[in-house]
Amino acid sequence: MYVLYHGWRSSASRRVRLCLAEKGLAFESRIIDLTKMEHHSPAFLKLNPNGVIPLLILEDGRSLYESGTICEYLDETHRDPPLRPDDAFQRAEMRNWIRHVDGLIGNLIIFNWAHSMAKVATQWSDAELAEKLKNVPSKERREAWLRTARKPYTDEERQEARDKLRIGLLDRMEAMLAEGTWLLGARYSIADIAAVPFIKRIDEEISPDEMTAARHPRVHAWWQAIQARPAFAVANIGPFTGS
């Protein structure tokens, strides 16, 4: 059985759980507490030197990280139902879309980390913060922790992030969905899965007014279709906020 190190609210973890659910694959769940920085512990860094979740341990003990890579691996090794286009060019388009969405993650962090992460990080002393940041491999993540702990994002920065998510994600999806029900046409794919955690947060808190049929009708219809898929409930894509 697969072993998945993940977090229920982690955007990348939600992608992998969706893929596993679509494939009907069971896994042993191991929750990583991001607020305790368990993903930067020496034991976890031995499994994933990037210090991020999700991390999938294969049945032979080898490990995979990066959600897009994990999803492609699962689709290649468990082909029913297929989650990638048959056409090589469309598969390349799928990978470019995933990279594009991943490039917007900083805009999502501005909102996501304002919840449980900020509540914890603001309590650390300067010495505690400095010590914890030593174990964070990524410069971008160190900067995000520092901002969360000491310099909360301003209203202007939050609005700028909303605008980037609208233009870079919602407007682009609206155009892509003119070709069919799903982002790459007729077949639901990893391209759709890549967008789900972002759309969930936009609809839930960040810009729910943009998710209406009046503002983004194709994205609105796509989101209704996503939530109706049985795998969505199985993957437990629940509310981000709350206890």
Protein backbone atom coordinates (compact mmCIF):
# COMPACT_ATOMS: atom_id res chain seq x y z
CA MET A 1 0.00 0.00 0.00
CA TYR A 2 1.11 3.54 -0.67
CA VAL A 3 2.04 5.78 2.25
CA LEU A 4 1.13 9.45 1.85
CA TYR A 5 2.69 12.16 3.99
CA HIS A 6 0.34 15.08 3.61
CA GLY A 7 -1.74 17.82 5.21
CA TRP A 8 -5.51 18.13 4.91
CA ARG A 9 -5.30 21.83 3.98
CA SER A 10 -2.13 21.63 1.90
CA SER A 11 -2.95 22.58 -1.70
CA ALA A 12 -0.44 20.16 -3.20
CA SER A 13 -1.63 17.37 -0.89
CA ARG A 14 -5.20 17.94 -2.03
CA ARG A 15 -4.11 17.39 -5.62
CA VAL A 16 -2.55 14.02 -4.84
CA ARG A 17 -5.52 12.89 -2.75
CA LEU A 18 -7.79 13.79 -5.66
CA CYS A 19 -5.69 11.75 -8.04
CA LEU A 20 -5.62 8.77 -5.66
CA ALA A 21 -9.39 9.04 -5.23
CA GLU A 22 -10.01 9.18 -8.99
CA LYS A 23 -7.94 6.01 -9.35
CA GLY A 24 -9.64 4.30 -6.40
CA LEU A 25 -6.27 3.74 -4.71
CA ALA A 26 -5.96 3.18 -0.97
CA PHE A 27 -3.13 4.70 1.03
CA GLU A 28 -1.82 4.90 4.56
CA SER A 29 -2.28 8.47 5.76
CA ARG A 30 0.49 10.18 7.70
CA ILE A 31 -0.35 13.75 8.61
CA ILE A 32 2.43 16.31 8.74
CA ASP A 33 1.78 19.28 11.05
CA LEU A 34 3.07 22.28 9.13
CA THR A 35 2.64 24.64 12.08
CA LYS A 36 5.11 22.48 14.03
CA MET A 37 7.39 22.46 10.97
CA GLU A 38 7.45 18.68 10.94
CA HIS A 39 8.21 18.85 7.21
CA HIS A 40 11.56 20.44 8.08
CA SER A 41 12.59 17.83 10.63
CA PRO A 42 15.79 15.85 9.91
CA ALA A 43 13.77 12.64 9.56
CA PHE A 44 11.44 14.13 6.94
CA LEU A 45 14.24 15.89 5.07
CA LYS A 46 15.90 12.50 4.58
CA LEU A 47 12.79 11.44 2.68
CA ASN A 48 12.30 14.74 0.87
CA PRO A 49 15.23 17.20 0.86
CA ASN A 50 12.92 19.93 -0.43
CA GLY A 51 11.03 19.84 2.88
CA VAL A 52 7.55 20.00 1.35
CA ILE A 53 4.45 17.87 1.26
CA PRO A 54 2.99 15.73 -0.17
CA LEU A 55 5.43 12.84 -0.18
CA LEU A 56 4.37 9.46 -1.54
CA ILE A 57 6.18 6.32 -0.42
CA LEU A 58 5.81 3.64 -3.06
CA GLU A 59 5.12 0.00 -2.33
CA ASP A 60 8.81 -0.81 -2.88
CA GLY A 61 9.93 1.86 -0.40
CA ARG A 62 11.06 4.48 -2.88
CA SER A 63 9.69 8.00 -2.45
CA LEU A 64 8.25 10.61 -4.78
CA TYR A 65 7.58 14.28 -4.16
CA GLU A 66 6.14 17.22 -6.12
CA SER A 67 2.41 16.82 -6.64
CA GLY A 68 2.48 17.03 -10.45
CA THR A 69 5.14 14.33 -10.63
CA ILE A 70 3.22 12.09 -8.21
CA CYS A 71 0.00 12.47 -10.18
CA GLU A 72 1.71 11.60 -13.45
CA TYR A 73 3.34 8.57 -11.85
CA LEU A 74 0.00 7.36 -10.54
CA ASP A 75 -1.62 7.82 -13.93
CA GLU A 76 1.18 5.96 -15.69
CA THR A 77 1.14 3.03 -13.29
CA HIS A 78 -2.65 2.84 -12.80
CA ARG A 79 -4.14 3.67 -16.17
CA ASP A 80 -7.83 3.35 -15.38
CA PRO A 81 -9.33 5.90 -15.53
CA PRO A 82 -6.81 7.86 -17.61
CA LEU A 83 -5.99 11.33 -16.29
CA ARG A 84 -3.69 12.50 -19.07
CA PRO A 85 -4.45 13.24 -22.72
CA ASP A 86 -3.60 10.58 -25.29
CA ASP A 87 -2.04 13.19 -27.54
CA ALA A 88 1.62 14.05 -26.83
CA PHE A 89 1.10 17.76 -27.58
CA GLN A 90 -1.81 17.96 -25.15
CA ARG A 91 0.25 16.20 -22.49
CA ALA A 92 2.88 18.90 -22.98
CA GLU A 93 0.15 21.55 -22.65
CA MET A 94 -0.98 19.85 -19.44
CA ARG A 95 2.53 20.10 -17.97
CA ASN A 96 2.80 23.74 -18.98
CA TRP A 97 -0.53 24.45 -17.29
CA ILE A 98 0.60 22.77 -14.08
CA ARG A 99 3.79 24.87 -14.10
CA HIS A 100 1.73 28.00 -14.69
CA VAL A 101 -0.58 27.25 -11.76
CA ASP A 102 2.36 26.39 -9.52
CA GLY A 103 3.84 29.78 -10.36
CA LEU A 104 0.84 31.41 -8.68
CA ILE A 105 1.34 29.64 -5.34
CA GLY A 106 2.90 32.70 -3.71
CA ASN A 107 -0.37 34.56 -4.20
CA LEU A 108 -2.25 31.75 -2.48
CA ILE A 109 0.21 31.62 0.43
CA ILE A 110 -0.61 35.24 1.27
CA PHE A 111 -4.13 34.10 2.20
CA ASN A 112 -3.51 30.56 3.38
CA TRP A 113 -0.73 31.34 5.84
CA ALA A 114 -2.77 34.10 7.48
CA HIS A 115 -4.65 31.40 9.38
CA SER A 116 -2.98 28.67 11.45
CA MET A 117 0.57 29.44 10.32
CA ALA A 118 0.40 33.07 11.45
CA LYS A 119 -1.16 32.17 14.79
CA VAL A 120 1.84 29.99 15.57
CA ALA A 121 4.65 31.99 13.97
CA THR A 122 3.78 35.30 15.63
CA GLN A 123 4.31 33.67 19.04
CA TRP A 124 7.94 32.75 18.37
CA SER A 125 10.72 34.91 19.76
CA ASP A 126 13.30 36.29 17.33
CA ALA A 127 15.74 33.62 18.46
CA GLU A 128 13.17 30.83 18.00
CA LEU A 129 12.25 32.13 14.56
CA ALA A 130 15.89 32.31 13.46
CA GLU A 131 16.52 28.77 14.67
CA LYS A 132 13.46 27.38 12.87
CA LEU A 133 14.31 29.14 9.62
CA LYS A 134 17.69 27.39 9.54
CA ASN A 135 15.92 24.14 8.67
CA VAL A 136 13.81 25.54 5.82
CA PRO A 137 15.54 24.54 2.54
CA SER A 138 13.72 27.01 0.29
CA LYS A 139 14.58 30.71 0.26
CA GLU A 140 11.03 31.54 -0.81
CA ARG A 141 9.55 29.56 2.08
CA ARG A 142 11.94 31.20 4.56
CA GLU A 143 10.77 34.59 3.34
CA ALA A 144 7.12 33.51 3.62
CA TRP A 145 7.63 32.34 7.22
CA LEU A 146 9.41 35.61 8.04
CA ARG A 147 6.59 37.68 6.57
CA THR A 148 3.98 35.59 8.36
CA ALA A 149 5.77 35.90 11.69
CA ARG A 150 6.85 39.52 11.64
CA LYS A 151 5.34 41.54 8.80
CA PRO A 152 1.77 40.58 7.89
CA TYR A 153 0.77 41.20 4.31
CA THR A 154 -0.95 44.54 3.74
CA ASP A 155 -4.40 45.06 2.25
CA GLU A 156 -2.68 46.33 -0.90
CA GLU A 157 -0.59 43.18 -1.19
CA ARG A 158 -3.63 41.00 -0.64
CA GLN A 159 -5.53 42.85 -3.37
CA GLU A 160 -2.59 42.48 -5.73
CA ALA A 161 -2.57 38.74 -5.02
CA ARG A 162 -6.33 38.56 -5.74
CA ASP A 163 -5.80 40.34 -9.05
CA LYS A 164 -3.03 37.94 -10.06
CA LEU A 165 -5.19 34.94 -9.22
CA ARG A 166 -8.07 36.40 -11.20
CA ILE A 167 -6.01 37.23 -14.28
CA GLY A 168 -3.56 34.34 -14.13
CA LEU A 169 -6.03 31.65 -13.16
CA LEU A 170 -9.72 32.52 -13.50
CA ASP A 171 -9.52 34.56 -16.70
CA ARG A 172 -7.16 32.05 -18.29
CA MET A 173 -9.38 29.12 -17.28
CA GLU A 174 -12.42 30.91 -18.69
CA ALA A 175 -10.69 31.09 -22.06
CA MET A 176 -9.48 27.47 -21.94
CA LEU A 177 -12.93 26.15 -21.07
CA ALA A 178 -14.34 27.56 -24.31
CA GLU A 179 -13.01 24.36 -25.91
CA GLY A 180 -14.93 21.91 -23.73
CA THR A 181 -16.11 20.82 -20.30
CA TRP A 182 -12.59 20.40 -18.94
CA LEU A 183 -9.43 22.45 -19.25
CA LEU A 184 -7.97 20.28 -22.01
CA GLY A 185 -11.25 19.57 -23.74
CA ALA A 186 -13.43 16.51 -23.30
CA ARG A 187 -11.35 14.57 -20.78
CA TYR A 188 -10.95 15.40 -17.09
CA SER A 189 -7.23 15.40 -16.41
CA ILE A 190 -4.40 16.29 -14.07
CA ALA A 191 -4.67 19.81 -15.51
CA ASP A 192 -8.06 20.15 -13.81
CA ILE A 193 -6.77 18.55 -10.61
CA ALA A 194 -3.95 21.11 -10.50
CA ALA A 195 -6.42 23.99 -10.34
CA VAL A 196 -8.84 22.54 -7.78
CA PRO A 197 -7.10 23.65 -4.54
CA PHE A 198 -6.74 27.20 -5.86
CA ILE A 199 -10.36 27.41 -6.98
CA LYS A 200 -11.53 25.99 -3.67
CA ARG A 201 -9.80 28.80 -1.78
CA ILE A 202 -10.94 31.50 -4.19
CA ASP A 203 -14.55 30.33 -3.92
CA GLU A 204 -14.36 29.85 -0.17
CA GLU A 205 -12.70 33.05 0.93
CA ILE A 206 -10.35 34.93 -1.39
CA SER A 207 -12.73 36.18 -4.13
CA PRO A 208 -16.07 34.35 -4.04
CA ASP A 209 -17.64 37.13 -6.11
CA GLU A 210 -15.42 36.08 -9.03
CA MET A 211 -16.80 32.55 -8.93
CA THR A 212 -20.34 33.46 -9.94
CA ALA A 213 -21.98 32.50 -13.21
CA ALA A 214 -22.13 36.19 -14.05
CA ARG A 215 -18.39 36.84 -13.67
CA HIS A 216 -16.81 33.57 -14.83
CA PRO A 217 -19.62 31.38 -16.20
CA ARG A 218 -17.41 28.60 -17.60
CA VAL A 219 -15.30 28.39 -14.44
CA HIS A 220 -18.48 28.38 -12.38
CA ALA A 221 -19.86 25.43 -14.38
CA TRP A 222 -16.49 23.65 -14.22
CA TRP A 223 -16.40 24.05 -10.44
CA GLN A 224 -19.89 22.63 -10.05
CA ALA A 225 -18.87 19.63 -12.17
CA ILE A 226 -15.68 19.13 -10.12
CA GLN A 227 -17.58 19.10 -6.82
CA ALA A 228 -20.08 16.60 -8.22
CA ARG A 229 -17.37 14.03 -8.93
CA PRO A 230 -17.35 11.24 -6.31
CA ALA A 231 -13.58 11.58 -5.92
CA PHE A 232 -14.00 15.13 -4.61
CA ALA A 233 -15.80 13.87 -1.50
CA VAL A 234 -13.43 10.91 -1.09
CA ALA A 235 -10.39 13.22 -1.18
CA ASN A 236 -11.83 15.27 1.69
CA ILE A 237 -11.38 18.71 0.15
CA GLY A 238 -13.02 20.38 3.14
CA PRO A 239 -13.04 23.98 4.37
CA PHE A 240 -9.65 25.62 4.77
CA THR A 241 -10.59 27.89 7.64
CA GLY A 242 -11.74 26.84 11.08
CA SER A 243 -10.27 24.57 13.72
